Amino acid sequence: MQVRFLLGGTLLAVLLTLSGCSAEPEDISCEVPETDIRLPADEAPHRVASEWWYYTGHLWNEDGKRYGFEVSFFQIYFGAQPGYAGHFALSDPETGNHVYEQNVVAPPEGFDKLDIDIGEWNIKSNGDTHLLSTSMENIALDIECTATKPPSFHGDRGLIEMGGGKLSYYYSLARMQVSGTLVIDGTAQTVTGTAWHDHQWGDFDVFLSNGWDWFSLQLDDNTEIMLFFLHFKDGGTEMTGGTFIDEQGCQFAISQYDLQSLRTWQSPHTDAIYPLDWTLSLPEQDIELSINATFDDQELDCRQTTFNVYWEGEVTVSGTRKGQAVQGLGFVELAGYGPWGPE
């Protein structure tokens, strides 16, 4: 089966009353996008229906062995009661092993800053550096992730649709340097690497959509690509967010694209069928890429915590930009292909 999105996906247009713009970093020559998102204040939790903080990335130990990781924290309000869920996954592309854990808590009050505990798991911001501490059976991860580029604001001024006509604020720290410790079976490994951080929030219900496809790609020429394709209840699909980030950290909205899935994989766990391995063309950026899953079975069954099943997998990237060869790594999230929403 082939999944194809033709040129010219229309970005969502939203009228905003702006209260001012963030100051332009001194070392960045590009214009800072207008947005209502105010950092660092807005990295903290908001009293809204849905919110999450995502970290995905790639770790290398001292022997050069690579791992992929995902750490995701979710906040949901049920009236005045906050609830928090967390997902932690580790993938080993060398062995094709993918393990994950999920956790949930319902404290009497919500957190008022980005220092969130879910059981013994914690994410915390110290300005440009984010600290992650998570664990599962025989595995523990403690790392620092430090932003090397300014935030990128996706969609229209930092807003994208999330289904049912509802909007979400959405920004990324698209390239972070990582250092810390990974413990596997009692053996501590010093690791370094790269990470990508997404923060998204709003008064939306994710299950008003039919899911989405999300791509975060980090190329070895120090550029990044984010693509977000929303699946609507009527069966349609639209790119509601697409951003290219250049070497300096300047961001540009993507409006022309050609994305094609080359094959599918059926999960032996849930029978969900996912598109995998893609070709991507971005004519405005003169980019041609092949995107390939490092291995197929990177599915998470999180019906116990977030009422869904999704594929969150490490991918390799190769191709050209402006006629020059590029390679890279990334993550792809495929949501809505399996069980989706409360039963």
C-alpha atoms as a PDB file:
ATOM      1  CA  MET A   1       0.000   0.000   0.000  1.00  0.00           C
ATOM      2  CA  GLN A   2       1.201   3.505  -0.769  1.00  0.00           C
ATOM      3  CA  VAL A   3       0.338   6.592   1.233  1.00  0.00           C
ATOM      4  CA  ARG A   4       0.833   9.777  -0.742  1.00  0.00           C
ATOM      5  CA  PHE A   5       0.391  13.447   0.113  1.00  0.00           C
ATOM      6  CA  LEU A   6       0.492  15.677  -2.962  1.00  0.00           C
ATOM      7  CA  LEU A   7       2.026  19.138  -3.271  1.00  0.00           C
ATOM      8  CA  GLY A   8       0.463  22.115  -1.644  1.00  0.00           C
ATOM      9  CA  GLY A   9      -0.911  21.142   1.782  1.00  0.00           C
ATOM     10  CA  THR A  10      -2.684  24.223   3.166  1.00  0.00           C
ATOM     11  CA  LEU A  11      -1.504  25.467   6.537  1.00  0.00           C
ATOM     12  CA  LEU A  12      -4.109  26.497   9.085  1.00  0.00           C
ATOM     13  CA  ALA A  13      -4.751  30.279   9.186  1.00  0.00           C
ATOM     14  CA  VAL A  14      -5.602  31.742  12.555  1.00  0.00           C
ATOM     15  CA  LEU A  15      -6.103  35.406  13.511  1.00  0.00           C
ATOM     16  CA  LEU A  16      -4.317  36.351  16.699  1.00  0.00           C
ATOM     17  CA  THR A  17      -4.189  39.494  18.789  1.00  0.00           C
ATOM     18  CA  LEU A  18      -0.487  39.728  19.532  1.00  0.00           C
ATOM     19  CA  SER A  19       0.862  41.076  22.777  1.00  0.00           C
ATOM     20  CA  GLY A  20       4.422  41.480  21.507  1.00  0.00           C
ATOM     21  CA  CYS A  21       7.227  39.314  20.169  1.00  0.00           C
ATOM     22  CA  SER A  22      10.123  37.597  21.867  1.00  0.00           C
ATOM     23  CA  ALA A  23      13.442  39.363  21.514  1.00  0.00           C
ATOM     24  CA  GLU A  24      15.609  38.154  18.663  1.00  0.00           C
ATOM     25  CA  PRO A  25      18.686  36.202  19.814  1.00  0.00           C
ATOM     26  CA  GLU A  26      21.838  38.190  19.137  1.00  0.00           C
ATOM     27  CA  ASP A  27      23.529  35.407  17.170  1.00  0.00           C
ATOM     28  CA  ILE A  28      20.568  34.783  14.838  1.00  0.00           C
ATOM     29  CA  SER A  29      20.208  37.000  11.783  1.00  0.00           C
ATOM     30  CA  CYS A  30      16.741  35.814  10.770  1.00  0.00           C
ATOM     31  CA  GLU A  31      13.442  37.362  11.808  1.00  0.00           C
ATOM     32  CA  VAL A  32      11.890  35.806  14.906  1.00  0.00           C
ATOM     33  CA  PRO A  33       8.350  34.550  14.120  1.00  0.00           C
ATOM     34  CA  GLU A  34       5.385  36.304  15.700  1.00  0.00           C
ATOM     35  CA  THR A  35       3.687  34.129  18.292  1.00  0.00           C
ATOM     36  CA  ASP A  36       1.607  34.300  21.443  1.00  0.00           C
ATOM     37  CA  ILE A  37       3.867  31.664  23.034  1.00  0.00           C
ATOM     38  CA  ARG A  38       5.983  33.261  25.754  1.00  0.00           C
ATOM     39  CA  LEU A  39       9.103  31.430  26.888  1.00  0.00           C
ATOM     40  CA  PRO A  40      10.253  30.412  29.388  1.00  0.00           C
ATOM     41  CA  ALA A  41       6.874  31.032  31.086  1.00  0.00           C
ATOM     42  CA  ASP A  42       4.939  28.781  28.682  1.00  0.00           C
ATOM     43  CA  GLU A  43       7.171  25.764  29.181  1.00  0.00           C
ATOM     44  CA  ALA A  44       5.275  25.284  32.461  1.00  0.00           C
ATOM     45  CA  PRO A  45       1.979  23.356  32.642  1.00  0.00           C
ATOM     46  CA  HIS A  46      -1.240  25.125  31.640  1.00  0.00           C
ATOM     47  CA  ARG A  47      -4.737  24.541  33.000  1.00  0.00           C
ATOM     48  CA  VAL A  48      -6.095  23.188  29.725  1.00  0.00           C
ATOM     49  CA  ALA A  49      -7.730  19.977  28.588  1.00  0.00           C
ATOM     50  CA  SER A  50      -4.606  18.402  27.027  1.00  0.00           C
ATOM     51  CA  GLU A  51      -0.870  18.992  27.257  1.00  0.00           C
ATOM     52  CA  TRP A  52       2.308  17.032  26.694  1.00  0.00           C
ATOM     53  CA  TRP A  53       6.080  17.291  26.788  1.00  0.00           C
ATOM     54  CA  TYR A  54       7.851  14.931  24.374  1.00  0.00           C
ATOM     55  CA  TYR A  55      11.534  14.027  24.224  1.00  0.00           C
ATOM     56  CA  THR A  56      12.911  11.702  21.558  1.00  0.00           C
ATOM     57  CA  GLY A  57      16.538  11.176  20.715  1.00  0.00           C
ATOM     58  CA  HIS A  58      19.599   9.087  20.045  1.00  0.00           C
ATOM     59  CA  LEU A  59      22.255   8.032  22.539  1.00  0.00           C
ATOM     60  CA  TRP A  60      25.749   6.642  22.012  1.00  0.00           C
ATOM     61  CA  ASN A  61      27.739   4.890  24.739  1.00  0.00           C
ATOM     62  CA  GLU A  62      31.529   5.021  24.995  1.00  0.00           C
ATOM     63  CA  ASP A  63      31.822   2.003  22.666  1.00  0.00           C
ATOM     64  CA  GLY A  64      29.789   3.725  19.952  1.00  0.00           C
ATOM     65  CA  LYS A  65      26.659   1.620  20.394  1.00  0.00           C
ATOM     66  CA  ARG A  66      23.479   3.603  19.651  1.00  0.00           C
ATOM     67  CA  TYR A  67      20.096   3.566  21.359  1.00  0.00           C
ATOM     68  CA  GLY A  68      16.896   5.452  20.578  1.00  0.00           C
ATOM     69  CA  PHE A  69      14.730   6.782  23.399  1.00  0.00           C
ATOM     70  CA  GLU A  70      11.341   8.363  24.023  1.00  0.00           C
ATOM     71  CA  VAL A  71      10.260  10.098  27.232  1.00  0.00           C
ATOM     72  CA  SER A  72       6.741  11.587  27.118  1.00  0.00           C
ATOM     73  CA  PHE A  73       4.756  13.222  29.927  1.00  0.00           C
ATOM     74  CA  PHE A  74       1.051  14.014  29.531  1.00  0.00           C
ATOM     75  CA  GLN A  75      -1.264  16.236  31.573  1.00  0.00           C
ATOM     76  CA  ILE A  76      -5.058  16.014  31.307  1.00  0.00           C
ATOM     77  CA  TYR A  77      -7.668  17.870  33.341  1.00  0.00           C
ATOM     78  CA  PHE A  78     -10.971  16.208  34.262  1.00  0.00           C
ATOM     79  CA  GLY A  79     -12.793  19.257  35.583  1.00  0.00           C
ATOM     80  CA  ALA A  80     -10.651  20.417  38.503  1.00  0.00           C
ATOM     81  CA  GLN A  81      -8.770  17.104  38.793  1.00  0.00           C
ATOM     82  CA  PRO A  82      -5.413  16.852  36.997  1.00  0.00           C
ATOM     83  CA  GLY A  83      -4.068  13.542  35.786  1.00  0.00           C
ATOM     84  CA  TYR A  84      -0.563  12.715  34.556  1.00  0.00           C
ATOM     85  CA  ALA A  85       0.693   9.856  32.408  1.00  0.00           C
ATOM     86  CA  GLY A  86       4.199   9.002  31.277  1.00  0.00           C
ATOM     87  CA  HIS A  87       5.688   6.796  28.578  1.00  0.00           C
ATOM     88  CA  PHE A  88       9.330   5.683  28.468  1.00  0.00           C
ATOM     89  CA  ALA A  89      10.742   3.600  25.607  1.00  0.00           C
ATOM     90  CA  LEU A  90      14.209   2.426  24.627  1.00  0.00           C
ATOM     91  CA  SER A  91      15.100   0.915  21.264  1.00  0.00           C
ATOM     92  CA  ASP A  92      18.236  -0.971  20.241  1.00  0.00           C
ATOM     93  CA  PRO A  93      18.598  -0.850  16.449  1.00  0.00           C
ATOM     94  CA  GLU A  94      21.442  -3.365  16.574  1.00  0.00           C
ATOM     95  CA  THR A  95      19.302  -6.109  18.097  1.00  0.00           C
ATOM     96  CA  GLY A  96      15.835  -4.892  17.080  1.00  0.00           C
ATOM     97  CA  ASN A  97      14.772  -4.836  20.720  1.00  0.00           C
ATOM     98  CA  HIS A  98      12.155  -2.256  21.795  1.00  0.00           C
ATOM     99  CA  VAL A  99      11.005  -2.049  25.422  1.00  0.00           C
ATOM    100  CA  TYR A 100       8.711   0.444  27.094  1.00  0.00           C
ATOM    101  CA  GLU A 101       6.898   1.275  30.313  1.00  0.00           C
ATOM    102  CA  GLN A 102       3.956   3.501  31.198  1.00  0.00           C
ATOM    103  CA  ASN A 103       2.960   5.202  34.411  1.00  0.00           C
ATOM    104  CA  VAL A 104       0.046   7.304  35.695  1.00  0.00           C
ATOM    105  CA  VAL A 105      -0.676   9.475  38.746  1.00  0.00           C
ATOM    106  CA  ALA A 106      -3.539  11.742  39.858  1.00  0.00           C
ATOM    107  CA  PRO A 107      -2.207  14.248  42.432  1.00  0.00           C
ATOM    108  CA  PRO A 108      -4.629  16.547  44.275  1.00  0.00           C
ATOM    109  CA  GLU A 109      -3.144  19.580  42.520  1.00  0.00           C
ATOM    110  CA  GLY A 110      -1.417  20.172  39.222  1.00  0.00           C
ATOM    111  CA  PHE A 111       2.222  21.165  38.838  1.00  0.00           C
ATOM    112  CA  ASP A 112       2.909  24.888  38.384  1.00  0.00           C
ATOM    113  CA  LYS A 113       6.295  24.627  36.633  1.00  0.00           C
ATOM    114  CA  LEU A 114       8.165  22.226  34.419  1.00  0.00           C
ATOM    115  CA  ASP A 115       9.258  20.035  37.294  1.00  0.00           C
ATOM    116  CA  ILE A 116       6.819  17.151  37.021  1.00  0.00           C
ATOM    117  CA  ASP A 117       6.875  13.878  38.930  1.00  0.00           C
ATOM    118  CA  ILE A 118       5.082  10.759  37.768  1.00  0.00           C
ATOM    119  CA  GLY A 119       5.924   8.271  40.462  1.00  0.00           C
ATOM    120  CA  GLU A 120       9.720   8.119  40.488  1.00  0.00           C
ATOM    121  CA  TRP A 121       9.951   9.620  36.999  1.00  0.00           C
ATOM    122  CA  ASN A 122      10.761  13.312  36.616  1.00  0.00           C
ATOM    123  CA  ILE A 123      11.239  15.937  33.915  1.00  0.00           C
ATOM    124  CA  LYS A 124      12.586  19.337  34.891  1.00  0.00           C
ATOM    125  CA  SER A 125      13.714  22.498  33.126  1.00  0.00           C
ATOM    126  CA  ASN A 126      16.651  24.624  34.237  1.00  0.00           C
ATOM    127  CA  GLY A 127      16.357  27.218  31.489  1.00  0.00           C
ATOM    128  CA  ASP A 128      17.919  25.857  28.297  1.00  0.00           C
ATOM    129  CA  THR A 129      18.719  22.517  29.973  1.00  0.00           C
ATOM    130  CA  HIS A 130      16.079  19.873  30.617  1.00  0.00           C
ATOM    131  CA  LEU A 131      16.715  17.023  33.059  1.00  0.00           C
ATOM    132  CA  LEU A 132      15.051  13.639  32.446  1.00  0.00           C
ATOM    133  CA  SER A 133      14.983  10.776  34.933  1.00  0.00           C
ATOM    134  CA  THR A 134      12.985   7.636  34.084  1.00  0.00           C
ATOM    135  CA  SER A 135      13.241   3.918  34.642  1.00  0.00           C
ATOM    136  CA  MET A 136      11.683   0.546  33.956  1.00  0.00           C
ATOM    137  CA  GLU A 137      12.629  -3.023  34.839  1.00  0.00           C
ATOM    138  CA  ASN A 138      16.435  -3.372  34.477  1.00  0.00           C
ATOM    139  CA  ILE A 139      16.746   0.025  32.711  1.00  0.00           C
ATOM    140  CA  ALA A 140      17.241   3.564  34.034  1.00  0.00           C
ATOM    141  CA  LEU A 141      17.895   6.801  32.154  1.00  0.00           C
ATOM    142  CA  ASP A 142      19.238  10.022  33.681  1.00  0.00           C
ATOM    143  CA  ILE A 143      20.224  12.657  31.130  1.00  0.00           C
ATOM    144  CA  GLU A 144      20.605  16.388  30.560  1.00  0.00           C
ATOM    145  CA  CYS A 145      19.301  17.836  27.278  1.00  0.00           C
ATOM    146  CA  THR A 146      20.566  21.321  26.377  1.00  0.00           C
ATOM    147  CA  ALA A 147      19.080  23.352  23.511  1.00  0.00           C
ATOM    148  CA  THR A 148      21.554  24.453  20.833  1.00  0.00           C
ATOM    149  CA  LYS A 149      19.022  26.414  18.756  1.00  0.00           C
ATOM    150  CA  PRO A 150      16.161  28.799  19.599  1.00  0.00           C
ATOM    151  CA  PRO A 151      12.605  27.408  19.813  1.00  0.00           C
ATOM    152  CA  SER A 152      10.702  26.733  16.593  1.00  0.00           C
ATOM    153  CA  PHE A 153       7.008  27.692  16.450  1.00  0.00           C
ATOM    154  CA  HIS A 154       4.932  25.489  14.179  1.00  0.00           C
ATOM    155  CA  GLY A 155       1.809  25.999  12.100  1.00  0.00           C
ATOM    156  CA  ASP A 156       0.505  29.543  12.027  1.00  0.00           C
ATOM    157  CA  ARG A 157       2.268  31.583  14.724  1.00  0.00           C
ATOM    158  CA  GLY A 158       2.682  28.545  16.929  1.00  0.00           C
ATOM    159  CA  LEU A 159      -0.836  27.120  16.493  1.00  0.00           C
ATOM    160  CA  ILE A 160      -1.918  23.958  14.680  1.00  0.00           C
ATOM    161  CA  GLU A 161      -5.252  22.136  14.513  1.00  0.00           C
ATOM    162  CA  MET A 162      -5.635  18.920  16.510  1.00  0.00           C
ATOM    163  CA  GLY A 163      -9.082  17.779  15.325  1.00  0.00           C
ATOM    164  CA  GLY A 164     -12.669  18.922  15.660  1.00  0.00           C
ATOM    165  CA  GLY A 165     -11.602  22.461  14.759  1.00  0.00           C
ATOM    166  CA  LYS A 166      -9.673  22.746  18.036  1.00  0.00           C
ATOM    167  CA  LEU A 167      -6.231  24.344  18.171  1.00  0.00           C
ATOM    168  CA  SER A 168      -3.028  23.624  20.046  1.00  0.00           C
ATOM    169  CA  TYR A 169      -0.012  25.736  20.859  1.00  0.00           C
ATOM    170  CA  TYR A 170       3.073  23.926  19.593  1.00  0.00           C
ATOM    171  CA  TYR A 171       6.802  24.624  19.682  1.00  0.00           C
ATOM    172  CA  SER A 172       9.971  22.523  19.544  1.00  0.00           C
ATOM    173  CA  LEU A 173      13.561  22.577  20.667  1.00  0.00           C
ATOM    174  CA  ALA A 174      14.648  20.749  17.556  1.00  0.00           C
ATOM    175  CA  ARG A 175      18.277  20.057  18.425  1.00  0.00           C
ATOM    176  CA  MET A 176      19.480  19.415  21.951  1.00  0.00           C
ATOM    177  CA  GLN A 177      22.818  18.066  23.121  1.00  0.00           C
ATOM    178  CA  VAL A 178      22.495  15.128  25.500  1.00  0.00           C
ATOM    179  CA  SER A 179      24.779  13.746  28.197  1.00  0.00           C
ATOM    180  CA  GLY A 180      24.162  11.445  31.121  1.00  0.00           C
ATOM    181  CA  THR A 181      23.854   7.826  32.188  1.00  0.00           C
ATOM    182  CA  LEU A 182      21.981   4.804  30.870  1.00  0.00           C
ATOM    183  CA  VAL A 183      21.819   1.765  33.144  1.00  0.00           C
ATOM    184  CA  ILE A 184      20.968  -1.615  31.595  1.00  0.00           C
ATOM    185  CA  ASP A 185      20.908  -4.792  33.714  1.00  0.00           C
ATOM    186  CA  GLY A 186      22.852  -3.072  36.482  1.00  0.00           C
ATOM    187  CA  THR A 187      25.627  -1.783  34.217  1.00  0.00           C
ATOM    188  CA  ALA A 188      25.928   1.998  33.980  1.00  0.00           C
ATOM    189  CA  GLN A 189      26.946   3.457  30.625  1.00  0.00           C
ATOM    190  CA  THR A 190      27.996   7.056  30.021  1.00  0.00           C
ATOM    191  CA  VAL A 191      26.029   8.305  27.030  1.00  0.00           C
ATOM    192  CA  THR A 192      25.992  11.357  24.799  1.00  0.00           C
ATOM    193  CA  GLY A 193      23.761  12.210  21.879  1.00  0.00           C
ATOM    194  CA  THR A 194      21.031  14.412  20.446  1.00  0.00           C
ATOM    195  CA  ALA A 195      17.398  14.974  21.348  1.00  0.00           C
ATOM    196  CA  TRP A 196      14.268  16.699  20.074  1.00  0.00           C
ATOM    197  CA  HIS A 197      11.735  18.258  22.470  1.00  0.00           C
ATOM    198  CA  ASP A 198       8.093  19.006  21.630  1.00  0.00           C
ATOM    199  CA  HIS A 199       5.667  20.881  23.866  1.00  0.00           C
ATOM    200  CA  GLN A 200       2.000  21.085  22.895  1.00  0.00           C
ATOM    201  CA  TRP A 201      -1.105  22.220  24.790  1.00  0.00           C
ATOM    202  CA  GLY A 202      -4.673  23.459  24.354  1.00  0.00           C
ATOM    203  CA  ASP A 203      -8.347  22.838  24.995  1.00  0.00           C
ATOM    204  CA  PHE A 204      -8.588  20.008  22.490  1.00  0.00           C
ATOM    205  CA  ASP A 205      -9.524  16.337  22.581  1.00  0.00           C
ATOM    206  CA  VAL A 206      -7.066  14.229  20.569  1.00  0.00           C
ATOM    207  CA  PHE A 207      -9.777  11.687  19.862  1.00  0.00           C
ATOM    208  CA  LEU A 208     -11.762  14.210  17.805  1.00  0.00           C
ATOM    209  CA  SER A 209      -9.218  13.372  15.108  1.00  0.00           C
ATOM    210  CA  ASN A 210      -8.374   9.998  13.596  1.00  0.00           C
ATOM    211  CA  GLY A 211      -4.749  10.368  14.640  1.00  0.00           C
ATOM    212  CA  TRP A 212      -1.704  11.786  12.886  1.00  0.00           C
ATOM    213  CA  ASP A 213       1.701  11.169  11.330  1.00  0.00           C
ATOM    214  CA  TRP A 214       4.582  13.165  12.857  1.00  0.00           C
ATOM    215  CA  PHE A 215       8.138  13.381  11.555  1.00  0.00           C
ATOM    216  CA  SER A 216      11.116  14.929  13.352  1.00  0.00           C
ATOM    217  CA  LEU A 217      14.328  14.713  11.331  1.00  0.00           C
ATOM    218  CA  GLN A 218      17.816  15.940  12.281  1.00  0.00           C
ATOM    219  CA  LEU A 219      20.234  16.097   9.349  1.00  0.00           C
ATOM    220  CA  ASP A 220      24.026  16.063   9.581  1.00  0.00           C
ATOM    221  CA  ASP A 221      24.261  19.507   7.941  1.00  0.00           C
ATOM    222  CA  ASN A 222      22.745  20.929  11.169  1.00  0.00           C
ATOM    223  CA  THR A 223      19.238  21.400   9.745  1.00  0.00           C
ATOM    224  CA  GLU A 224      15.947  19.948  10.966  1.00  0.00           C
ATOM    225  CA  ILE A 225      12.518  19.114   9.550  1.00  0.00           C
ATOM    226  CA  MET A 226       9.164  18.749  11.329  1.00  0.00           C
ATOM    227  CA  LEU A 227       6.061  17.501   9.511  1.00  0.00           C
ATOM    228  CA  PHE A 228       2.635  16.958  11.090  1.00  0.00           C
ATOM    229  CA  PHE A 229      -0.203  15.344   9.128  1.00  0.00           C
ATOM    230  CA  LEU A 230      -3.601  15.289  10.862  1.00  0.00           C
ATOM    231  CA  HIS A 231      -6.129  12.568   9.973  1.00  0.00           C
ATOM    232  CA  PHE A 232      -9.714  13.845  10.100  1.00  0.00           C
ATOM    233  CA  LYS A 233     -12.841  11.920  11.030  1.00  0.00           C
ATOM    234  CA  ASP A 234     -14.155  12.257   7.472  1.00  0.00           C
ATOM    235  CA  GLY A 235     -11.166  10.300   6.186  1.00  0.00           C
ATOM    236  CA  GLY A 236      -9.141  13.242   4.911  1.00  0.00           C
ATOM    237  CA  THR A 237      -5.559  14.096   5.779  1.00  0.00           C
ATOM    238  CA  GLU A 238      -3.917  17.526   5.869  1.00  0.00           C
ATOM    239  CA  MET A 239      -0.505  18.829   6.829  1.00  0.00           C
ATOM    240  CA  THR A 240      -1.391  21.276   9.606  1.00  0.00           C
ATOM    241  CA  GLY A 241       2.239  21.928  10.531  1.00  0.00           C
ATOM    242  CA  GLY A 242       5.492  21.796   8.608  1.00  0.00           C
ATOM    243  CA  THR A 243       8.743  23.555   9.485  1.00  0.00           C
ATOM    244  CA  PHE A 244      12.270  23.590   8.088  1.00  0.00           C
ATOM    245  CA  ILE A 245      15.005  24.885  10.408  1.00  0.00           C
ATOM    246  CA  ASP A 246      18.286  25.995   8.835  1.00  0.00           C
ATOM    247  CA  GLU A 247      21.833  25.908  10.182  1.00  0.00           C
ATOM    248  CA  GLN A 248      21.402  29.137  12.156  1.00  0.00           C
ATOM    249  CA  GLY A 249      18.090  28.109  13.666  1.00  0.00           C
ATOM    250  CA  CYS A 250      15.985  30.242  11.315  1.00  0.00           C
ATOM    251  CA  GLN A 251      12.646  28.580  10.618  1.00  0.00           C
ATOM    252  CA  PHE A 252      10.588  28.438   7.434  1.00  0.00           C
ATOM    253  CA  ALA A 253       7.065  27.095   6.931  1.00  0.00           C
ATOM    254  CA  ILE A 254       6.832  24.141   4.552  1.00  0.00           C
ATOM    255  CA  SER A 255       3.984  24.416   2.057  1.00  0.00           C
ATOM    256  CA  GLN A 256       5.130  22.101  -0.758  1.00  0.00           C
ATOM    257  CA  TYR A 257       5.872  18.444  -0.138  1.00  0.00           C
ATOM    258  CA  ASP A 258       5.611  14.987  -1.624  1.00  0.00           C
ATOM    259  CA  LEU A 259       5.607  12.189   0.944  1.00  0.00           C
ATOM    260  CA  GLN A 260       5.130   8.565  -0.060  1.00  0.00           C
ATOM    261  CA  SER A 261       5.104   5.441   2.073  1.00  0.00           C
ATOM    262  CA  LEU A 262       6.810   2.492   0.401  1.00  0.00           C
ATOM    263  CA  ARG A 263       5.500  -0.396   2.496  1.00  0.00           C
ATOM    264  CA  THR A 264       3.406  -1.365   5.527  1.00  0.00           C
ATOM    265  CA  TRP A 265       3.953  -3.398   8.667  1.00  0.00           C
ATOM    266  CA  GLN A 266       1.247  -5.242  10.608  1.00  0.00           C
ATOM    267  CA  SER A 267       1.754  -5.387  14.350  1.00  0.00           C
ATOM    268  CA  PRO A 268       1.696  -8.921  15.771  1.00  0.00           C
ATOM    269  CA  HIS A 269       0.523  -7.386  19.069  1.00  0.00           C
ATOM    270  CA  THR A 270      -2.508  -5.325  18.008  1.00  0.00           C
ATOM    271  CA  ASP A 271      -2.998  -6.150  14.272  1.00  0.00           C
ATOM    272  CA  ALA A 272      -2.627  -2.415  13.491  1.00  0.00           C
ATOM    273  CA  ILE A 273      -1.214  -1.759  10.019  1.00  0.00           C
ATOM    274  CA  TYR A 274       1.317   1.094   9.845  1.00  0.00           C
ATOM    275  CA  PRO A 275       2.899   2.771   6.818  1.00  0.00           C
ATOM    276  CA  LEU A 276       6.698   2.552   6.968  1.00  0.00           C
ATOM    277  CA  ASP A 277       9.727   3.691   4.914  1.00  0.00           C
ATOM    278  CA  TRP A 278       9.089   6.904   3.030  1.00  0.00           C
ATOM    279  CA  THR A 279      10.420   9.117   0.296  1.00  0.00           C
ATOM    280  CA  LEU A 280      10.148  12.844   0.996  1.00  0.00           C
ATOM    281  CA  SER A 281      10.549  15.714  -1.444  1.00  0.00           C
ATOM    282  CA  LEU A 282      10.574  19.369  -0.292  1.00  0.00           C
ATOM    283  CA  PRO A 283      10.899  21.443  -3.499  1.00  0.00           C
ATOM    284  CA  GLU A 284      11.204  24.838  -1.768  1.00  0.00           C
ATOM    285  CA  GLN A 285      14.154  23.601   0.272  1.00  0.00           C
ATOM    286  CA  ASP A 286      15.606  21.507  -2.602  1.00  0.00           C
ATOM    287  CA  ILE A 287      15.528  18.405  -0.391  1.00  0.00           C
ATOM    288  CA  GLU A 288      15.091  14.775  -1.470  1.00  0.00           C
ATOM    289  CA  LEU A 289      15.168  12.159   1.300  1.00  0.00           C
ATOM    290  CA  SER A 290      14.661   8.489   2.050  1.00  0.00           C
ATOM    291  CA  ILE A 291      13.352   7.795   5.569  1.00  0.00           C
ATOM    292  CA  ASN A 292      13.628   4.243   6.894  1.00  0.00           C
ATOM    293  CA  ALA A 293      12.621   2.603  10.158  1.00  0.00           C
ATOM    294  CA  THR A 294      15.644   1.141  11.940  1.00  0.00           C
ATOM    295  CA  PHE A 295      13.419  -1.861  12.668  1.00  0.00           C
ATOM    296  CA  ASP A 296       9.693  -2.508  12.445  1.00  0.00           C
ATOM    297  CA  ASP A 297       8.446  -3.392  15.928  1.00  0.00           C
ATOM    298  CA  GLN A 298       8.514  -0.032  17.739  1.00  0.00           C
ATOM    299  CA  GLU A 299       4.845   0.024  18.737  1.00  0.00           C
ATOM    300  CA  LEU A 300       3.571   1.079  22.171  1.00  0.00           C
ATOM    301  CA  ASP A 301       0.286  -0.249  23.550  1.00  0.00           C
ATOM    302  CA  CYS A 302      -0.648   2.489  26.030  1.00  0.00           C
ATOM    303  CA  ARG A 303      -4.344   1.822  26.460  1.00  0.00           C
ATOM    304  CA  GLN A 304      -3.775   1.610  30.223  1.00  0.00           C
ATOM    305  CA  THR A 305      -2.682   5.255  30.433  1.00  0.00           C
ATOM    306  CA  THR A 306      -3.566   7.316  27.342  1.00  0.00           C
ATOM    307  CA  PHE A 307      -6.235   5.059  25.755  1.00  0.00           C
ATOM    308  CA  ASN A 308      -4.315   4.504  22.531  1.00  0.00           C
ATOM    309  CA  VAL A 309      -1.810   2.439  20.613  1.00  0.00           C
ATOM    310  CA  TYR A 310       0.840   4.137  18.503  1.00  0.00           C
ATOM    311  CA  TRP A 311       4.102   3.551  16.655  1.00  0.00           C
ATOM    312  CA  GLU A 312       6.970   5.746  17.849  1.00  0.00           C
ATOM    313  CA  GLY A 313      10.100   4.687  16.043  1.00  0.00           C
ATOM    314  CA  GLU A 314      13.662   5.674  15.352  1.00  0.00           C
ATOM    315  CA  VAL A 315      14.402   6.249  11.658  1.00  0.00           C
ATOM    316  CA  THR A 316      17.489   6.812   9.528  1.00  0.00           C
ATOM    317  CA  VAL A 317      17.564   9.496   6.845  1.00  0.00           C
ATOM    318  CA  SER A 318      19.624   9.815   3.655  1.00  0.00           C
ATOM    319  CA  GLY A 319      19.399  11.922   0.519  1.00  0.00           C
ATOM    320  CA  THR A 320      20.368  15.345  -0.769  1.00  0.00           C
ATOM    321  CA  ARG A 321      19.901  19.017   0.095  1.00  0.00           C
ATOM    322  CA  LYS A 322      20.778  21.540  -2.591  1.00  0.00           C
ATOM    323  CA  GLY A 323      22.510  18.738  -4.471  1.00  0.00           C
ATOM    324  CA  GLN A 324      24.765  17.832  -1.538  1.00  0.00           C
ATOM    325  CA  ALA A 325      24.562  14.462   0.190  1.00  0.00           C
ATOM    326  CA  VAL A 326      23.017  14.470   3.680  1.00  0.00           C
ATOM    327  CA  GLN A 327      22.309  11.831   6.275  1.00  0.00           C
ATOM    328  CA  GLY A 328      20.571  11.938   9.598  1.00  0.00           C
ATOM    329  CA  LEU A 329      18.421  10.377  12.275  1.00  0.00           C
ATOM    330  CA  GLY A 330      14.914  11.074  13.450  1.00  0.00           C
ATOM    331  CA  PHE A 331      11.718   9.804  14.970  1.00  0.00           C
ATOM    332  CA  VAL A 332       8.312   9.147  13.437  1.00  0.00           C
ATOM    333  CA  GLU A 333       5.040   8.870  15.338  1.00  0.00           C
ATOM    334  CA  LEU A 334       2.033   7.136  13.760  1.00  0.00           C
ATOM    335  CA  ALA A 335      -1.167   7.505  15.793  1.00  0.00           C
ATOM    336  CA  GLY A 336      -4.679   6.269  15.050  1.00  0.00           C
ATOM    337  CA  TYR A 337      -3.751   3.121  13.119  1.00  0.00           C
ATOM    338  CA  GLY A 338      -4.631   0.864  16.045  1.00  0.00           C
ATOM    339  CA  PRO A 339      -7.044   1.148  18.994  1.00  0.00           C
ATOM    340  CA  TRP A 340      -7.792   4.839  19.426  1.00  0.00           C
ATOM    341  CA  GLY A 341      -9.737   6.363  22.299  1.00  0.00           C
ATOM    342  CA  PRO A 342     -11.560   5.138  25.391  1.00  0.00           C
ATOM    343  CA  GLU A 343     -13.565   1.996  24.808  1.00  0.00           C
END
